[in-house]
Amino acid sequence: MKTHTIRININGEKRNLMVRSGDTLLYAIRNNLGLTGSKPGCLNGDCGACTINVEGWPMKSCLMLAVEADGKKVTTVEGLENTPIQQAFVENFAFQCGYCTPGFIMNCHSLIEQHPDADDDLIKEWLESNICRCTGYAEIEKAVKSVLRKNESRK
């Protein structure tokens, strides 16, 4: 199978990766870089456990080929480093088993960055792209809203 060298800026570090044409970005991140925060769940884009941030937007890394990330800025949960949404997940008990948590955190981080004035409907819409089978979404919504409120009070 043909291989390609791609250059990505992952978590603020420029890296060269040797990938096969059919490698997903999830596979390359986990196996080539050892960044295992993004989780393989359904592997068909339904669950969101593999959600990362590409150029500021959430992306299900199981649906993106690694070669498509060439030249892009990619952030995984390992690259967030104590962001407000991570603390809010802890403070609001917004996880149980934790398997889906990295994907939710990445999706919520992108939501807060892209829509700092998000209303309840937009929050619910964004959360629909991720699935958790252990807990309800109420705590996750509370976590997002708490960060949005804190950001609003700082203005």
N, C-alpha and C. Protein backbone atom coordinates (compact mmCIF):
# COMPACT_ATOMS: atom_id res chain seq x y z
N MET A 1 0.84 -1.18 0.00
CA MET A 1 0.00 0.00 0.00
C MET A 1 0.89 1.24 0.00
N LYS A 2 0.48 2.26 -0.73
CA LYS A 2 1.25 3.47 -0.86
C LYS A 2 1.27 4.25 0.46
N THR A 3 2.43 4.83 0.77
CA THR A 3 2.55 5.66 1.97
C THR A 3 2.81 7.11 1.58
N HIS A 4 2.46 8.00 2.49
CA HIS A 4 2.63 9.43 2.28
C HIS A 4 3.24 10.03 3.54
N THR A 5 4.04 11.05 3.36
CA THR A 5 4.52 11.82 4.50
C THR A 5 3.64 13.07 4.59
N ILE A 6 3.02 13.24 5.74
CA ILE A 6 2.20 14.43 5.96
C ILE A 6 2.82 15.26 7.07
N ARG A 7 2.56 16.55 7.01
CA ARG A 7 3.01 17.47 8.07
C ARG A 7 1.77 18.01 8.75
N ILE A 8 1.70 17.83 10.05
CA ILE A 8 0.59 18.41 10.79
C ILE A 8 1.12 19.14 12.01
N ASN A 9 0.37 20.12 12.43
CA ASN A 9 0.65 20.82 13.67
C ASN A 9 -0.32 20.23 14.68
N ILE A 10 0.19 19.35 15.52
CA ILE A 10 -0.69 18.66 16.47
C ILE A 10 -0.36 19.11 17.88
N ASN A 11 -1.35 19.66 18.53
CA ASN A 11 -1.21 20.16 19.90
C ASN A 11 -0.05 21.15 20.01
N GLY A 12 0.11 21.97 18.96
CA GLY A 12 1.14 23.01 18.97
C GLY A 12 2.52 22.56 18.54
N GLU A 13 2.65 21.30 18.15
CA GLU A 13 3.95 20.77 17.73
C GLU A 13 3.89 20.32 16.27
N LYS A 14 4.81 20.79 15.46
CA LYS A 14 4.85 20.38 14.06
C LYS A 14 5.47 18.99 13.97
N ARG A 15 4.75 18.12 13.28
CA ARG A 15 5.20 16.72 13.17
C ARG A 15 5.10 16.24 11.73
N ASN A 16 6.02 15.39 11.35
CA ASN A 16 5.94 14.66 10.09
C ASN A 16 5.47 13.25 10.42
N LEU A 17 4.53 12.76 9.65
CA LEU A 17 4.01 11.40 9.87
C LEU A 17 4.03 10.63 8.57
N MET A 18 4.42 9.37 8.64
CA MET A 18 4.32 8.47 7.50
C MET A 18 3.01 7.72 7.67
N VAL A 19 2.09 7.89 6.72
CA VAL A 19 0.78 7.25 6.80
C VAL A 19 0.47 6.54 5.49
N ARG A 20 -0.38 5.54 5.59
CA ARG A 20 -0.87 4.86 4.40
C ARG A 20 -2.07 5.63 3.85
N SER A 21 -2.37 5.43 2.60
CA SER A 21 -3.46 6.17 1.95
C SER A 21 -4.79 6.00 2.68
N GLY A 22 -5.06 4.82 3.20
CA GLY A 22 -6.34 4.54 3.83
C GLY A 22 -6.38 4.74 5.35
N ASP A 23 -5.29 5.19 5.95
CA ASP A 23 -5.27 5.41 7.40
C ASP A 23 -6.19 6.55 7.79
N THR A 24 -7.01 6.31 8.78
CA THR A 24 -7.81 7.40 9.31
C THR A 24 -6.94 8.27 10.22
N LEU A 25 -7.38 9.47 10.44
CA LEU A 25 -6.65 10.35 11.35
C LEU A 25 -6.66 9.76 12.76
N LEU A 26 -7.75 9.12 13.14
CA LEU A 26 -7.81 8.47 14.46
C LEU A 26 -6.71 7.43 14.58
N TYR A 27 -6.54 6.59 13.58
CA TYR A 27 -5.51 5.57 13.59
C TYR A 27 -4.13 6.20 13.71
N ALA A 28 -3.87 7.22 12.90
CA ALA A 28 -2.55 7.85 12.90
C ALA A 28 -2.25 8.53 14.23
N ILE A 29 -3.24 9.20 14.80
CA ILE A 29 -3.04 9.88 16.08
C ILE A 29 -2.73 8.88 17.18
N ARG A 30 -3.48 7.80 17.21
CA ARG A 30 -3.30 6.82 18.28
C ARG A 30 -2.05 5.96 18.06
N ASN A 31 -1.86 5.47 16.84
CA ASN A 31 -0.79 4.50 16.59
C ASN A 31 0.54 5.11 16.19
N ASN A 32 0.52 6.21 15.47
CA ASN A 32 1.78 6.82 15.04
C ASN A 32 2.31 7.82 16.08
N LEU A 33 1.39 8.47 16.79
CA LEU A 33 1.80 9.50 17.74
C LEU A 33 1.62 9.09 19.21
N GLY A 34 0.92 8.01 19.45
CA GLY A 34 0.71 7.55 20.83
C GLY A 34 -0.24 8.42 21.63
N LEU A 35 -1.04 9.24 20.96
CA LEU A 35 -2.03 10.09 21.64
C LEU A 35 -3.34 9.32 21.68
N THR A 36 -3.63 8.72 22.83
CA THR A 36 -4.75 7.79 22.93
C THR A 36 -6.00 8.39 23.57
N GLY A 37 -6.04 9.70 23.74
CA GLY A 37 -7.23 10.34 24.30
C GLY A 37 -8.44 10.19 23.41
N SER A 38 -8.25 10.30 22.10
CA SER A 38 -9.35 10.10 21.14
C SER A 38 -9.63 8.61 21.09
N LYS A 39 -10.88 8.25 21.32
CA LYS A 39 -11.23 6.83 21.47
C LYS A 39 -11.90 6.26 20.23
N PRO A 40 -11.55 5.02 19.87
CA PRO A 40 -12.30 4.34 18.82
C PRO A 40 -13.59 3.80 19.43
N GLY A 41 -14.69 4.21 18.90
CA GLY A 41 -15.99 3.73 19.38
C GLY A 41 -16.64 2.96 18.25
N CYS A 42 -17.53 3.64 17.55
CA CYS A 42 -18.28 3.00 16.47
C CYS A 42 -17.46 2.88 15.19
N LEU A 43 -16.49 3.76 15.01
CA LEU A 43 -15.64 3.84 13.82
C LEU A 43 -16.42 4.16 12.54
N ASN A 44 -17.62 4.72 12.70
CA ASN A 44 -18.39 5.14 11.53
C ASN A 44 -19.03 6.52 11.70
N GLY A 45 -18.56 7.28 12.69
CA GLY A 45 -19.00 8.66 12.84
C GLY A 45 -20.24 8.89 13.68
N ASP A 46 -20.78 7.84 14.27
CA ASP A 46 -22.02 8.00 15.04
C ASP A 46 -21.81 8.42 16.49
N CYS A 47 -20.76 7.93 17.14
CA CYS A 47 -20.68 8.08 18.60
C CYS A 47 -19.93 9.33 19.07
N GLY A 48 -18.96 9.81 18.32
CA GLY A 48 -18.22 11.01 18.70
C GLY A 48 -17.09 10.79 19.68
N ALA A 49 -16.81 9.56 20.08
CA ALA A 49 -15.73 9.30 21.04
C ALA A 49 -14.36 9.70 20.49
N CYS A 50 -14.25 9.79 19.18
CA CYS A 50 -12.97 10.12 18.54
C CYS A 50 -12.85 11.60 18.17
N THR A 51 -13.76 12.43 18.65
CA THR A 51 -13.78 13.84 18.24
C THR A 51 -12.49 14.55 18.63
N ILE A 52 -11.95 15.27 17.67
CA ILE A 52 -10.77 16.12 17.85
C ILE A 52 -11.14 17.50 17.31
N ASN A 53 -10.18 18.40 17.28
CA ASN A 53 -10.40 19.73 16.75
C ASN A 53 -9.45 19.91 15.55
N VAL A 54 -10.01 20.26 14.40
CA VAL A 54 -9.21 20.51 13.20
C VAL A 54 -9.50 21.94 12.75
N GLU A 55 -8.46 22.77 12.79
CA GLU A 55 -8.60 24.16 12.38
C GLU A 55 -9.73 24.87 13.15
N GLY A 56 -9.90 24.50 14.42
CA GLY A 56 -10.87 25.18 15.26
C GLY A 56 -12.26 24.56 15.30
N TRP A 57 -12.47 23.50 14.54
CA TRP A 57 -13.80 22.89 14.47
C TRP A 57 -13.74 21.42 14.89
N PRO A 58 -14.80 20.93 15.51
CA PRO A 58 -14.80 19.51 15.90
C PRO A 58 -14.86 18.62 14.66
N MET A 59 -14.13 17.53 14.73
CA MET A 59 -14.10 16.57 13.62
C MET A 59 -14.04 15.17 14.20
N LYS A 60 -14.83 14.28 13.66
CA LYS A 60 -14.75 12.88 14.07
C LYS A 60 -13.58 12.27 13.32
N SER A 61 -12.54 11.97 14.06
CA SER A 61 -11.28 11.55 13.44
C SER A 61 -11.37 10.18 12.78
N CYS A 62 -12.42 9.41 13.08
CA CYS A 62 -12.59 8.13 12.40
C CYS A 62 -13.11 8.31 10.98
N LEU A 63 -13.62 9.52 10.68
CA LEU A 63 -14.16 9.80 9.34
C LEU A 63 -13.19 10.57 8.45
N MET A 64 -12.09 11.02 9.01
CA MET A 64 -11.14 11.83 8.25
C MET A 64 -9.90 11.01 7.96
N LEU A 65 -9.48 11.00 6.71
CA LEU A 65 -8.24 10.33 6.37
C LEU A 65 -7.07 11.15 6.89
N ALA A 66 -6.03 10.48 7.30
CA ALA A 66 -4.85 11.18 7.82
C ALA A 66 -4.26 12.11 6.76
N VAL A 67 -4.28 11.70 5.49
CA VAL A 67 -3.73 12.55 4.43
C VAL A 67 -4.50 13.86 4.30
N GLU A 68 -5.76 13.90 4.72
CA GLU A 68 -6.54 15.13 4.67
C GLU A 68 -6.08 16.13 5.72
N ALA A 69 -5.34 15.69 6.71
CA ALA A 69 -4.86 16.57 7.78
C ALA A 69 -3.53 17.23 7.42
N ASP A 70 -2.98 16.90 6.27
CA ASP A 70 -1.70 17.47 5.85
C ASP A 70 -1.79 18.99 5.85
N GLY A 71 -0.87 19.63 6.59
CA GLY A 71 -0.83 21.09 6.66
C GLY A 71 -1.83 21.71 7.61
N LYS A 72 -2.59 20.91 8.33
CA LYS A 72 -3.64 21.43 9.20
C LYS A 72 -3.18 21.52 10.65
N LYS A 73 -3.89 22.37 11.41
CA LYS A 73 -3.70 22.47 12.85
C LYS A 73 -4.72 21.54 13.51
N VAL A 74 -4.22 20.58 14.27
CA VAL A 74 -5.05 19.57 14.92
C VAL A 74 -4.83 19.64 16.42
N THR A 75 -5.92 19.58 17.17
CA THR A 75 -5.81 19.52 18.62
C THR A 75 -6.57 18.31 19.12
N THR A 76 -5.91 17.55 19.98
CA THR A 76 -6.56 16.42 20.66
C THR A 76 -6.78 16.83 22.11
N VAL A 77 -7.45 15.98 22.85
CA VAL A 77 -7.72 16.30 24.25
C VAL A 77 -6.42 16.48 25.02
N GLU A 78 -5.36 15.80 24.61
CA GLU A 78 -4.07 15.96 25.27
C GLU A 78 -3.52 17.37 25.12
N GLY A 79 -3.95 18.08 24.08
CA GLY A 79 -3.45 19.42 23.81
C GLY A 79 -4.24 20.54 24.47
N LEU A 80 -5.30 20.21 25.18
CA LEU A 80 -6.10 21.28 25.79
C LEU A 80 -5.47 21.85 27.05
N GLU A 81 -4.82 21.03 27.84
CA GLU A 81 -4.09 21.50 29.02
C GLU A 81 -4.91 22.39 29.95
N ASN A 82 -5.77 21.80 30.71
CA ASN A 82 -6.52 22.49 31.78
C ASN A 82 -7.40 23.63 31.29
N THR A 83 -8.12 23.41 30.23
CA THR A 83 -9.06 24.41 29.74
C THR A 83 -10.26 24.49 30.68
N PRO A 84 -10.99 25.59 30.64
CA PRO A 84 -12.16 25.73 31.51
C PRO A 84 -13.18 24.60 31.36
N ILE A 85 -13.36 24.09 30.14
CA ILE A 85 -14.36 23.03 29.97
C ILE A 85 -13.92 21.74 30.68
N GLN A 86 -12.64 21.48 30.73
CA GLN A 86 -12.18 20.29 31.45
C GLN A 86 -12.50 20.41 32.94
N GLN A 87 -12.23 21.57 33.51
CA GLN A 87 -12.53 21.80 34.93
C GLN A 87 -14.03 21.74 35.16
N ALA A 88 -14.81 22.29 34.23
CA ALA A 88 -16.27 22.27 34.37
C ALA A 88 -16.82 20.85 34.34
N PHE A 89 -16.22 19.96 33.55
CA PHE A 89 -16.66 18.57 33.54
C PHE A 89 -16.45 17.94 34.92
N VAL A 90 -15.33 18.24 35.55
CA VAL A 90 -15.05 17.71 36.88
C VAL A 90 -16.03 18.30 37.90
N GLU A 91 -16.18 19.61 37.89
CA GLU A 91 -17.04 20.29 38.87
C GLU A 91 -18.50 19.91 38.74
N ASN A 92 -18.95 19.56 37.54
CA ASN A 92 -20.36 19.23 37.31
C ASN A 92 -20.61 17.73 37.16
N PHE A 93 -19.61 16.91 37.46
CA PHE A 93 -19.74 15.45 37.37
C PHE A 93 -20.28 15.03 36.00
N ALA A 94 -19.71 15.59 34.96
CA ALA A 94 -20.22 15.40 33.60
C ALA A 94 -19.64 14.17 32.90
N PHE A 95 -19.31 13.15 33.66
CA PHE A 95 -18.81 11.91 33.08
C PHE A 95 -19.05 10.79 34.07
N GLN A 96 -19.04 9.57 33.58
CA GLN A 96 -19.09 8.42 34.47
C GLN A 96 -17.94 7.49 34.14
N CYS A 97 -18.11 6.62 33.15
CA CYS A 97 -17.00 5.70 32.87
C CYS A 97 -15.82 6.42 32.24
N GLY A 98 -16.08 7.51 31.53
CA GLY A 98 -15.02 8.33 30.96
C GLY A 98 -14.64 8.01 29.53
N TYR A 99 -15.15 6.94 28.95
CA TYR A 99 -14.74 6.58 27.60
C TYR A 99 -15.09 7.66 26.58
N CYS A 100 -16.29 8.19 26.68
CA CYS A 100 -16.73 9.21 25.71
C CYS A 100 -16.28 10.61 26.09
N THR A 101 -15.79 10.79 27.29
CA THR A 101 -15.48 12.13 27.81
C THR A 101 -14.52 12.93 26.94
N PRO A 102 -13.42 12.37 26.44
CA PRO A 102 -12.54 13.19 25.60
C PRO A 102 -13.26 13.76 24.37
N GLY A 103 -14.09 12.95 23.74
CA GLY A 103 -14.84 13.43 22.58
C GLY A 103 -15.81 14.54 22.94
N PHE A 104 -16.51 14.37 24.06
CA PHE A 104 -17.41 15.42 24.53
C PHE A 104 -16.64 16.70 24.86
N ILE A 105 -15.53 16.56 25.54
CA ILE A 105 -14.74 17.74 25.91
C ILE A 105 -14.27 18.48 24.66
N MET A 106 -13.81 17.75 23.66
CA MET A 106 -13.37 18.40 22.43
C MET A 106 -14.53 19.10 21.73
N ASN A 107 -15.67 18.44 21.67
CA ASN A 107 -16.84 19.03 21.02
C ASN A 107 -17.29 20.28 21.79
N CYS A 108 -17.36 20.18 23.10
CA CYS A 108 -17.78 21.32 23.93
C CYS A 108 -16.78 22.46 23.87
N HIS A 109 -15.51 22.14 23.85
CA HIS A 109 -14.47 23.18 23.72
C HIS A 109 -14.66 23.95 22.41
N SER A 110 -14.88 23.22 21.33
CA SER A 110 -15.10 23.87 20.03
C SER A 110 -16.37 24.71 20.05
N LEU A 111 -17.42 24.19 20.67
CA LEU A 111 -18.68 24.94 20.77
C LEU A 111 -18.45 26.27 21.47
N ILE A 112 -17.76 26.24 22.60
CA ILE A 112 -17.50 27.46 23.38
C ILE A 112 -16.63 28.43 22.58
N GLU A 113 -15.65 27.91 21.86
CA GLU A 113 -14.76 28.77 21.06
C GLU A 113 -15.50 29.38 19.87
N GLN A 114 -16.31 28.59 19.21
CA GLN A 114 -16.99 29.05 17.99
C GLN A 114 -18.27 29.85 18.28
N HIS A 115 -18.92 29.54 19.40
CA HIS A 115 -20.20 30.17 19.74
C HIS A 115 -20.22 30.59 21.21
N PRO A 116 -19.48 31.63 21.57
CA PRO A 116 -19.41 32.02 22.98
C PRO A 116 -20.74 32.52 23.55
N ASP A 117 -21.70 32.75 22.67
CA ASP A 117 -23.03 33.17 23.12
C ASP A 117 -24.08 32.09 22.87
N ALA A 118 -23.66 30.84 22.84
CA ALA A 118 -24.56 29.72 22.53
C ALA A 118 -25.76 29.69 23.47
N ASP A 119 -26.93 29.45 22.89
CA ASP A 119 -28.13 29.30 23.71
C ASP A 119 -28.42 27.82 23.93
N ASP A 120 -29.46 27.52 24.70
CA ASP A 120 -29.79 26.14 25.05
C ASP A 120 -29.98 25.26 23.81
N ASP A 121 -30.67 25.79 22.80
CA ASP A 121 -30.92 25.00 21.60
C ASP A 121 -29.63 24.65 20.86
N LEU A 122 -28.73 25.59 20.75
CA LEU A 122 -27.46 25.34 20.07
C LEU A 122 -26.62 24.34 20.86
N ILE A 123 -26.61 24.47 22.17
CA ILE A 123 -25.87 23.51 23.00
C ILE A 123 -26.41 22.11 22.78
N LYS A 124 -27.73 21.95 22.84
CA LYS A 124 -28.34 20.63 22.63
C LYS A 124 -28.02 20.09 21.24
N GLU A 125 -28.06 20.96 20.24
CA GLU A 125 -27.76 20.54 18.87
C GLU A 125 -26.33 20.01 18.77
N TRP A 126 -25.38 20.73 19.35
CA TRP A 126 -23.98 20.29 19.29
C TRP A 126 -23.78 18.99 20.06
N LEU A 127 -24.46 18.84 21.19
CA LEU A 127 -24.27 17.62 21.99
C LEU A 127 -24.86 16.39 21.32
N GLU A 128 -25.76 16.58 20.36
CA GLU A 128 -26.36 15.45 19.65
C GLU A 128 -25.33 14.67 18.84
N SER A 129 -24.18 15.26 18.56
CA SER A 129 -23.19 14.57 17.74
C SER A 129 -22.34 13.58 18.53
N ASN A 130 -22.53 13.53 19.84
CA ASN A 130 -21.79 12.60 20.69
C ASN A 130 -22.78 11.74 21.48
N ILE A 131 -22.37 10.52 21.76
CA ILE A 131 -23.24 9.59 22.48
C ILE A 131 -22.55 9.15 23.77
N CYS A 132 -23.32 9.17 24.86
CA CYS A 132 -22.89 8.60 26.13
C CYS A 132 -23.96 7.62 26.58
N ARG A 133 -23.56 6.42 26.92
CA ARG A 133 -24.51 5.42 27.37
C ARG A 133 -24.54 5.28 28.90
N CYS A 134 -23.66 6.03 29.59
CA CYS A 134 -23.56 5.88 31.04
C CYS A 134 -24.31 6.95 31.82
N THR A 135 -24.48 8.11 31.25
CA THR A 135 -25.05 9.23 32.00
C THR A 135 -26.00 10.01 31.11
N GLY A 136 -26.78 10.84 31.73
CA GLY A 136 -27.62 11.76 30.97
C GLY A 136 -26.78 12.93 30.51
N TYR A 137 -27.36 13.76 29.71
CA TYR A 137 -26.62 14.88 29.17
C TYR A 137 -26.77 16.13 30.03
N ALA A 138 -27.57 16.08 31.07
CA ALA A 138 -27.83 17.26 31.91
C ALA A 138 -26.55 17.81 32.50
N GLU A 139 -25.69 16.95 33.02
CA GLU A 139 -24.45 17.40 33.64
C GLU A 139 -23.50 18.01 32.60
N ILE A 140 -23.50 17.44 31.41
CA ILE A 140 -22.64 17.96 30.34
C ILE A 140 -23.14 19.35 29.92
N GLU A 141 -24.46 19.49 29.79
CA GLU A 141 -25.03 20.80 29.48
C GLU A 141 -24.68 21.81 30.57
N LYS A 142 -24.78 21.40 31.82
CA LYS A 142 -24.43 22.29 32.93
C LYS A 142 -22.98 22.73 32.85
N ALA A 143 -22.11 21.80 32.49
CA ALA A 143 -20.68 22.13 32.37
C ALA A 143 -20.46 23.19 31.30
N VAL A 144 -21.08 23.01 30.14
CA VAL A 144 -20.93 23.99 29.05
C VAL A 144 -21.48 25.34 29.49
N LYS A 145 -22.67 25.34 30.07
CA LYS A 145 -23.30 26.59 30.49
C LYS A 145 -22.47 27.31 31.56
N SER A 146 -21.84 26.54 32.44
CA SER A 146 -21.04 27.19 33.49
C SER A 146 -19.84 27.92 32.88
N VAL A 147 -19.23 27.35 31.86
CA VAL A 147 -18.10 28.02 31.20
C VAL A 147 -18.59 29.24 30.44
N LEU A 148 -19.71 29.11 29.75
CA LEU A 148 -20.25 30.26 29.00
C LEU A 148 -20.60 31.39 29.96
N ARG A 149 -21.18 31.07 31.12
CA ARG A 149 -21.53 32.11 32.12
C ARG A 149 -20.28 32.80 32.64
N LYS A 150 -19.24 32.00 32.95
CA LYS A 150 -17.98 32.58 33.45
C LYS A 150 -17.37 33.51 32.41
N ASN A 151 -17.40 33.06 31.14
CA ASN A 151 -16.84 33.89 30.07
C ASN A 151 -17.65 35.18 29.91
N GLU A 152 -18.96 35.08 30.06
CA GLU A 152 -19.82 36.24 29.90
C GLU A 152 -19.57 37.25 31.04
N SER A 153 -19.35 36.75 32.25
CA SER A 153 -19.14 37.65 33.39
C SER A 153 -17.78 38.36 33.31
N ARG A 154 -16.85 37.81 32.53
CA ARG A 154 -15.52 38.43 32.37
C ARG A 154 -15.52 39.58 31.37
N LYS A 155 -16.58 39.68 30.59
CA LYS A 155 -16.64 40.72 29.55
C LYS A 155 -16.89 42.08 30.15
